[in-house]
């Protein structure tokens, strides 16, 4: 270390010995990690010692999860672009923060799996004409998959559904055909 860098390192190491007060808001839940044990913290003021403990928080109020648009093939063979929306609330903070490595990513991937299962099992006409029934089915499917994450699904719905068209691009230069190149016959 050069100059007074050692002083900054010493100050950072020393501050870890000082207990801290953390406020958990009314719309949050938290988990306190102390060595190998965990405890759930409710709203209020909580002391922790940064040297041996950590507090992680999560919103327990209603949250919205927007699902990425994905191309899927319906049961009648039509390619569609589908997006979704899931409204949920965290009911078990311990399951959500401790039993998941990355809870937000896990929720998103799990909801996309439920969306995929629902769409590929139906025909396009059925998806378009019975949206309320499809949304109810999707809600049940998402809830069944997300229950192990400590989450209650309030609703899930298709946010977008459109038939997709796949184009074949022949080349980067102008004047090329959009059809597939024909093989030349050899003599």
C-alpha atoms as a PDB file:
ATOM      1  CA  UNK A   1       0.000   0.000   0.000  1.00  0.00           C
ATOM      2  CA  UNK A   2       1.155   3.450  -0.799  1.00  0.00           C
ATOM      3  CA  UNK A   3       0.605   6.642   1.082  1.00  0.00           C
ATOM      4  CA  UNK A   4      -2.410   6.615   3.328  1.00  0.00           C
ATOM      5  CA  UNK A   5      -4.327   3.735   1.662  1.00  0.00           C
ATOM      6  CA  UNK A   6      -3.689   1.645   4.762  1.00  0.00           C
ATOM      7  CA  UNK A   7      -5.696   4.155   6.770  1.00  0.00           C
ATOM      8  CA  UNK A   8      -8.797   3.615   4.575  1.00  0.00           C
ATOM      9  CA  UNK A   9      -8.440  -0.170   4.861  1.00  0.00           C
ATOM     10  CA  UNK A  10      -8.090   0.129   8.632  1.00  0.00           C
ATOM     11  CA  UNK A  11     -11.224   2.312   8.852  1.00  0.00           C
ATOM     12  CA  UNK A  12     -13.255  -0.192   6.747  1.00  0.00           C
ATOM     13  CA  UNK A  13     -12.133  -3.113   8.913  1.00  0.00           C
ATOM     14  CA  UNK A  14     -12.797  -1.205  12.135  1.00  0.00           C
ATOM     15  CA  UNK A  15     -16.340  -0.148  11.162  1.00  0.00           C
ATOM     16  CA  UNK A  16     -17.366  -3.829  10.861  1.00  0.00           C
ATOM     17  CA  UNK A  17     -16.968  -4.081  14.661  1.00  0.00           C
ATOM     18  CA  UNK A  18     -19.671  -1.443  15.254  1.00  0.00           C
ATOM     19  CA  UNK A  19     -23.280  -2.757  15.624  1.00  0.00           C
ATOM     20  CA  UNK A  20     -25.805  -1.192  13.247  1.00  0.00           C
ATOM     21  CA  UNK A  21     -29.503  -0.517  13.305  1.00  0.00           C
ATOM     22  CA  UNK A  22     -31.596  -1.508  10.262  1.00  0.00           C
ATOM     23  CA  UNK A  23     -35.177  -0.401   9.672  1.00  0.00           C
ATOM     24  CA  UNK A  24     -37.495  -2.910   7.990  1.00  0.00           C
ATOM     25  CA  UNK A  25     -40.522  -1.094   6.530  1.00  0.00           C
ATOM     26  CA  UNK A  26     -44.146  -2.218   6.914  1.00  0.00           C
ATOM     27  CA  UNK A  27     -44.288  -3.491   3.309  1.00  0.00           C
ATOM     28  CA  UNK A  28     -41.087  -5.535   3.658  1.00  0.00           C
ATOM     29  CA  UNK A  29     -39.919  -8.742   5.201  1.00  0.00           C
ATOM     30  CA  UNK A  30     -36.321  -9.537   6.033  1.00  0.00           C
ATOM     31  CA  UNK A  31     -34.091 -12.431   6.929  1.00  0.00           C
ATOM     32  CA  UNK A  32     -31.115 -12.052   9.267  1.00  0.00           C
ATOM     33  CA  UNK A  33     -28.178 -14.357   8.548  1.00  0.00           C
ATOM     34  CA  UNK A  34     -25.925 -14.988  11.555  1.00  0.00           C
ATOM     35  CA  UNK A  35     -23.173 -17.473  10.772  1.00  0.00           C
ATOM     36  CA  UNK A  36     -25.064 -20.661   9.820  1.00  0.00           C
ATOM     37  CA  UNK A  37     -28.489 -19.674  11.194  1.00  0.00           C
ATOM     38  CA  UNK A  38     -31.295 -17.553   9.820  1.00  0.00           C
ATOM     39  CA  UNK A  39     -34.214 -15.755  11.428  1.00  0.00           C
ATOM     40  CA  UNK A  40     -37.160 -13.909   9.891  1.00  0.00           C
ATOM     41  CA  UNK A  41     -37.513 -10.249  10.848  1.00  0.00           C
ATOM     42  CA  UNK A  42     -40.811  -8.387  10.743  1.00  0.00           C
ATOM     43  CA  UNK A  43     -41.299  -4.652  10.313  1.00  0.00           C
ATOM     44  CA  UNK A  44     -39.457  -2.485  12.827  1.00  0.00           C
ATOM     45  CA  UNK A  45     -35.947  -1.647  13.980  1.00  0.00           C
ATOM     46  CA  UNK A  46     -33.378  -4.446  14.213  1.00  0.00           C
ATOM     47  CA  UNK A  47     -29.776  -4.511  15.440  1.00  0.00           C
ATOM     48  CA  UNK A  48     -27.127  -6.491  13.603  1.00  0.00           C
ATOM     49  CA  UNK A  49     -23.375  -6.833  13.741  1.00  0.00           C
ATOM     50  CA  UNK A  50     -21.797  -6.570  10.246  1.00  0.00           C
ATOM     51  CA  UNK A  51     -18.808  -8.644  11.318  1.00  0.00           C
ATOM     52  CA  UNK A  52     -20.913 -11.797  11.733  1.00  0.00           C
ATOM     53  CA  UNK A  53     -24.353 -11.079  10.304  1.00  0.00           C
ATOM     54  CA  UNK A  54     -26.219  -9.769   7.276  1.00  0.00           C
ATOM     55  CA  UNK A  55     -29.808  -8.669   6.653  1.00  0.00           C
ATOM     56  CA  UNK A  56     -31.574  -9.208   3.312  1.00  0.00           C
ATOM     57  CA  UNK A  57     -34.926  -7.606   2.595  1.00  0.00           C
ATOM     58  CA  UNK A  58     -37.760  -8.290   0.135  1.00  0.00           C
ATOM     59  CA  UNK A  59     -40.990  -6.424  -0.627  1.00  0.00           C
ATOM     60  CA  UNK A  60     -44.032  -8.291   0.681  1.00  0.00           C
ATOM     61  CA  UNK A  61     -46.564  -5.990  -0.966  1.00  0.00           C
ATOM     62  CA  UNK A  62     -48.086  -6.724  -4.384  1.00  0.00           C
ATOM     63  CA  UNK A  63     -45.446  -7.018  -7.125  1.00  0.00           C
ATOM     64  CA  UNK A  64     -45.711  -7.276 -10.909  1.00  0.00           C
ATOM     65  CA  UNK A  65     -43.517  -9.549 -13.012  1.00  0.00           C
ATOM     66  CA  UNK A  66     -43.433  -8.892 -16.758  1.00  0.00           C
ATOM     67  CA  UNK A  67     -42.524 -11.972 -18.771  1.00  0.00           C
ATOM     68  CA  UNK A  68     -40.362 -11.675 -21.861  1.00  0.00           C
ATOM     69  CA  UNK A  69     -42.011 -12.175 -25.233  1.00  0.00           C
ATOM     70  CA  UNK A  70     -41.151 -15.620 -26.540  1.00  0.00           C
ATOM     71  CA  UNK A  71     -41.897 -17.432 -29.799  1.00  0.00           C
ATOM     72  CA  UNK A  72     -43.926 -20.612 -29.241  1.00  0.00           C
ATOM     73  CA  UNK A  73     -45.730 -23.149 -31.416  1.00  0.00           C
ATOM     74  CA  UNK A  74     -49.363 -23.894 -30.565  1.00  0.00           C
ATOM     75  CA  UNK A  75     -50.811 -27.414 -30.675  1.00  0.00           C
ATOM     76  CA  UNK A  76     -52.115 -26.755 -34.214  1.00  0.00           C
ATOM     77  CA  UNK A  77     -48.596 -25.877 -35.449  1.00  0.00           C
ATOM     78  CA  UNK A  78     -48.882 -22.075 -35.627  1.00  0.00           C
ATOM     79  CA  UNK A  79     -45.940 -19.974 -34.401  1.00  0.00           C
ATOM     80  CA  UNK A  80     -47.007 -17.175 -32.058  1.00  0.00           C
ATOM     81  CA  UNK A  81     -45.260 -14.486 -30.053  1.00  0.00           C
ATOM     82  CA  UNK A  82     -46.478 -14.547 -26.459  1.00  0.00           C
ATOM     83  CA  UNK A  83     -45.825 -12.285 -23.489  1.00  0.00           C
ATOM     84  CA  UNK A  84     -47.234 -12.488 -20.005  1.00  0.00           C
ATOM     85  CA  UNK A  85     -47.836 -10.641 -16.780  1.00  0.00           C
ATOM     86  CA  UNK A  86     -47.877 -12.095 -13.255  1.00  0.00           C
ATOM     87  CA  UNK A  87     -49.044 -10.324 -10.116  1.00  0.00           C
ATOM     88  CA  UNK A  88     -47.759 -11.891  -6.897  1.00  0.00           C
ATOM     89  CA  UNK A  89     -47.117 -11.307  -3.228  1.00  0.00           C
ATOM     90  CA  UNK A  90     -44.371 -12.814  -1.057  1.00  0.00           C
ATOM     91  CA  UNK A  91     -45.989 -14.766   1.782  1.00  0.00           C
ATOM     92  CA  UNK A  92     -42.943 -16.599   3.193  1.00  0.00           C
ATOM     93  CA  UNK A  93     -39.833 -14.411   3.262  1.00  0.00           C
ATOM     94  CA  UNK A  94     -37.640 -17.268   4.511  1.00  0.00           C
ATOM     95  CA  UNK A  95     -38.518 -19.519   1.548  1.00  0.00           C
ATOM     96  CA  UNK A  96     -38.147 -16.599  -0.848  1.00  0.00           C
ATOM     97  CA  UNK A  97     -34.738 -15.350   0.325  1.00  0.00           C
ATOM     98  CA  UNK A  98     -33.076 -18.420   1.849  1.00  0.00           C
ATOM     99  CA  UNK A  99     -34.303 -21.384  -0.215  1.00  0.00           C
ATOM    100  CA  UNK A 100     -33.617 -19.571  -3.524  1.00  0.00           C
ATOM    101  CA  UNK A 101     -30.208 -18.511  -4.757  1.00  0.00           C
ATOM    102  CA  UNK A 102     -31.639 -15.788  -7.000  1.00  0.00           C
ATOM    103  CA  UNK A 103     -35.355 -15.573  -6.277  1.00  0.00           C
ATOM    104  CA  UNK A 104     -36.227 -12.925  -8.885  1.00  0.00           C
ATOM    105  CA  UNK A 105     -34.639 -14.886 -11.730  1.00  0.00           C
ATOM    106  CA  UNK A 106     -36.198 -18.134 -10.492  1.00  0.00           C
ATOM    107  CA  UNK A 107     -39.673 -16.548 -10.417  1.00  0.00           C
ATOM    108  CA  UNK A 108     -39.297 -15.222 -13.944  1.00  0.00           C
ATOM    109  CA  UNK A 109     -38.077 -18.530 -15.359  1.00  0.00           C
ATOM    110  CA  UNK A 110     -40.764 -20.512 -13.544  1.00  0.00           C
ATOM    111  CA  UNK A 111     -43.548 -18.216 -14.789  1.00  0.00           C
ATOM    112  CA  UNK A 112     -42.202 -18.500 -18.347  1.00  0.00           C
ATOM    113  CA  UNK A 113     -42.310 -22.308 -18.064  1.00  0.00           C
ATOM    114  CA  UNK A 114     -45.982 -22.107 -17.010  1.00  0.00           C
ATOM    115  CA  UNK A 115     -46.733 -19.733 -19.897  1.00  0.00           C
ATOM    116  CA  UNK A 116     -44.994 -22.073 -22.334  1.00  0.00           C
ATOM    117  CA  UNK A 117     -46.903 -25.130 -21.047  1.00  0.00           C
ATOM    118  CA  UNK A 118     -50.229 -23.339 -21.311  1.00  0.00           C
ATOM    119  CA  UNK A 119     -49.713 -21.979 -24.830  1.00  0.00           C
ATOM    120  CA  UNK A 120     -48.262 -25.089 -26.485  1.00  0.00           C
ATOM    121  CA  UNK A 121     -51.144 -27.214 -25.190  1.00  0.00           C
ATOM    122  CA  UNK A 122     -53.824 -25.060 -26.915  1.00  0.00           C
ATOM    123  CA  UNK A 123     -54.820 -24.194 -30.476  1.00  0.00           C
ATOM    124  CA  UNK A 124     -54.510 -20.583 -31.665  1.00  0.00           C
ATOM    125  CA  UNK A 125     -58.292 -20.212 -32.034  1.00  0.00           C
ATOM    126  CA  UNK A 126     -58.777 -21.392 -28.445  1.00  0.00           C
ATOM    127  CA  UNK A 127     -56.111 -18.974 -27.159  1.00  0.00           C
ATOM    128  CA  UNK A 128     -57.778 -16.056 -28.928  1.00  0.00           C
ATOM    129  CA  UNK A 129     -61.416 -16.818 -28.152  1.00  0.00           C
ATOM    130  CA  UNK A 130     -61.266 -17.941 -24.510  1.00  0.00           C
ATOM    131  CA  UNK A 131     -58.863 -15.442 -22.941  1.00  0.00           C
ATOM    132  CA  UNK A 132     -60.501 -15.447 -19.499  1.00  0.00           C
ATOM    133  CA  UNK A 133     -60.361 -19.248 -19.282  1.00  0.00           C
ATOM    134  CA  UNK A 134     -56.758 -19.235 -20.531  1.00  0.00           C
ATOM    135  CA  UNK A 135     -55.804 -16.577 -17.957  1.00  0.00           C
ATOM    136  CA  UNK A 136     -57.435 -18.634 -15.169  1.00  0.00           C
ATOM    137  CA  UNK A 137     -55.584 -21.764 -16.332  1.00  0.00           C
ATOM    138  CA  UNK A 138     -52.327 -19.810 -16.504  1.00  0.00           C
ATOM    139  CA  UNK A 139     -52.877 -18.449 -12.980  1.00  0.00           C
ATOM    140  CA  UNK A 140     -53.377 -21.975 -11.598  1.00  0.00           C
ATOM    141  CA  UNK A 141     -50.321 -23.260 -13.493  1.00  0.00           C
ATOM    142  CA  UNK A 142     -48.081 -20.419 -12.261  1.00  0.00           C
ATOM    143  CA  UNK A 143     -49.322 -20.798  -8.670  1.00  0.00           C
ATOM    144  CA  UNK A 144     -48.639 -24.541  -8.709  1.00  0.00           C
ATOM    145  CA  UNK A 145     -45.049 -23.939  -9.806  1.00  0.00           C
ATOM    146  CA  UNK A 146     -44.370 -20.893  -7.591  1.00  0.00           C
ATOM    147  CA  UNK A 147     -45.803 -22.211  -4.319  1.00  0.00           C
ATOM    148  CA  UNK A 148     -42.400 -23.630  -3.339  1.00  0.00           C
ATOM    149  CA  UNK A 149     -40.889 -20.118  -3.527  1.00  0.00           C
ATOM    150  CA  UNK A 150     -43.056 -18.659  -0.725  1.00  0.00           C
ATOM    151  CA  UNK A 151     -45.121 -16.671  -3.217  1.00  0.00           C
ATOM    152  CA  UNK A 152     -48.881 -16.284  -3.647  1.00  0.00           C
ATOM    153  CA  UNK A 153     -49.917 -15.615  -7.251  1.00  0.00           C
ATOM    154  CA  UNK A 154     -52.765 -13.097  -7.417  1.00  0.00           C
ATOM    155  CA  UNK A 155     -53.243 -13.438 -11.172  1.00  0.00           C
ATOM    156  CA  UNK A 156     -51.383 -14.329 -14.340  1.00  0.00           C
ATOM    157  CA  UNK A 157     -52.450 -13.394 -17.835  1.00  0.00           C
ATOM    158  CA  UNK A 158     -51.347 -13.253 -21.421  1.00  0.00           C
ATOM    159  CA  UNK A 159     -50.124  -9.731 -22.055  1.00  0.00           C
ATOM    160  CA  UNK A 160     -49.653 -10.228 -25.777  1.00  0.00           C
ATOM    161  CA  UNK A 161     -50.483 -12.900 -28.318  1.00  0.00           C
ATOM    162  CA  UNK A 162     -49.742 -12.522 -32.012  1.00  0.00           C
ATOM    163  CA  UNK A 163     -49.115 -14.954 -34.864  1.00  0.00           C
ATOM    164  CA  UNK A 164     -45.483 -14.758 -35.948  1.00  0.00           C
ATOM    165  CA  UNK A 165     -44.023 -14.905 -39.414  1.00  0.00           C
ATOM    166  CA  UNK A 166     -40.565 -16.313 -40.018  1.00  0.00           C
ATOM    167  CA  UNK A 167     -38.566 -14.765 -42.839  1.00  0.00           C
ATOM    168  CA  UNK A 168     -35.574 -16.295 -44.579  1.00  0.00           C
ATOM    169  CA  UNK A 169     -32.958 -13.690 -45.438  1.00  0.00           C
ATOM    170  CA  UNK A 170     -30.847 -14.721 -48.425  1.00  0.00           C
ATOM    171  CA  UNK A 171     -27.920 -12.345 -48.005  1.00  0.00           C
ATOM    172  CA  UNK A 172     -26.706  -8.962 -46.862  1.00  0.00           C
ATOM    173  CA  UNK A 173     -26.681  -7.307 -50.327  1.00  0.00           C
ATOM    174  CA  UNK A 174     -29.654  -5.635 -51.949  1.00  0.00           C
ATOM    175  CA  UNK A 175     -31.234  -7.469 -54.838  1.00  0.00           C
ATOM    176  CA  UNK A 176     -31.125 -10.899 -53.236  1.00  0.00           C
ATOM    177  CA  UNK A 177     -34.266 -12.955 -53.180  1.00  0.00           C
ATOM    178  CA  UNK A 178     -36.025 -13.786 -49.921  1.00  0.00           C
ATOM    179  CA  UNK A 179     -36.452 -17.374 -51.023  1.00  0.00           C
ATOM    180  CA  UNK A 180     -34.036 -20.157 -50.173  1.00  0.00           C
ATOM    181  CA  UNK A 181     -31.188 -20.573 -52.682  1.00  0.00           C
ATOM    182  CA  UNK A 182     -31.656 -23.437 -55.136  1.00  0.00           C
ATOM    183  CA  UNK A 183     -28.993 -26.076 -55.474  1.00  0.00           C
ATOM    184  CA  UNK A 184     -27.358 -26.204 -58.884  1.00  0.00           C
ATOM    185  CA  UNK A 185     -27.434 -29.482 -60.719  1.00  0.00           C
ATOM    186  CA  UNK A 186     -24.001 -30.985 -61.359  1.00  0.00           C
ATOM    187  CA  UNK A 187     -23.232 -32.451 -64.786  1.00  0.00           C
END
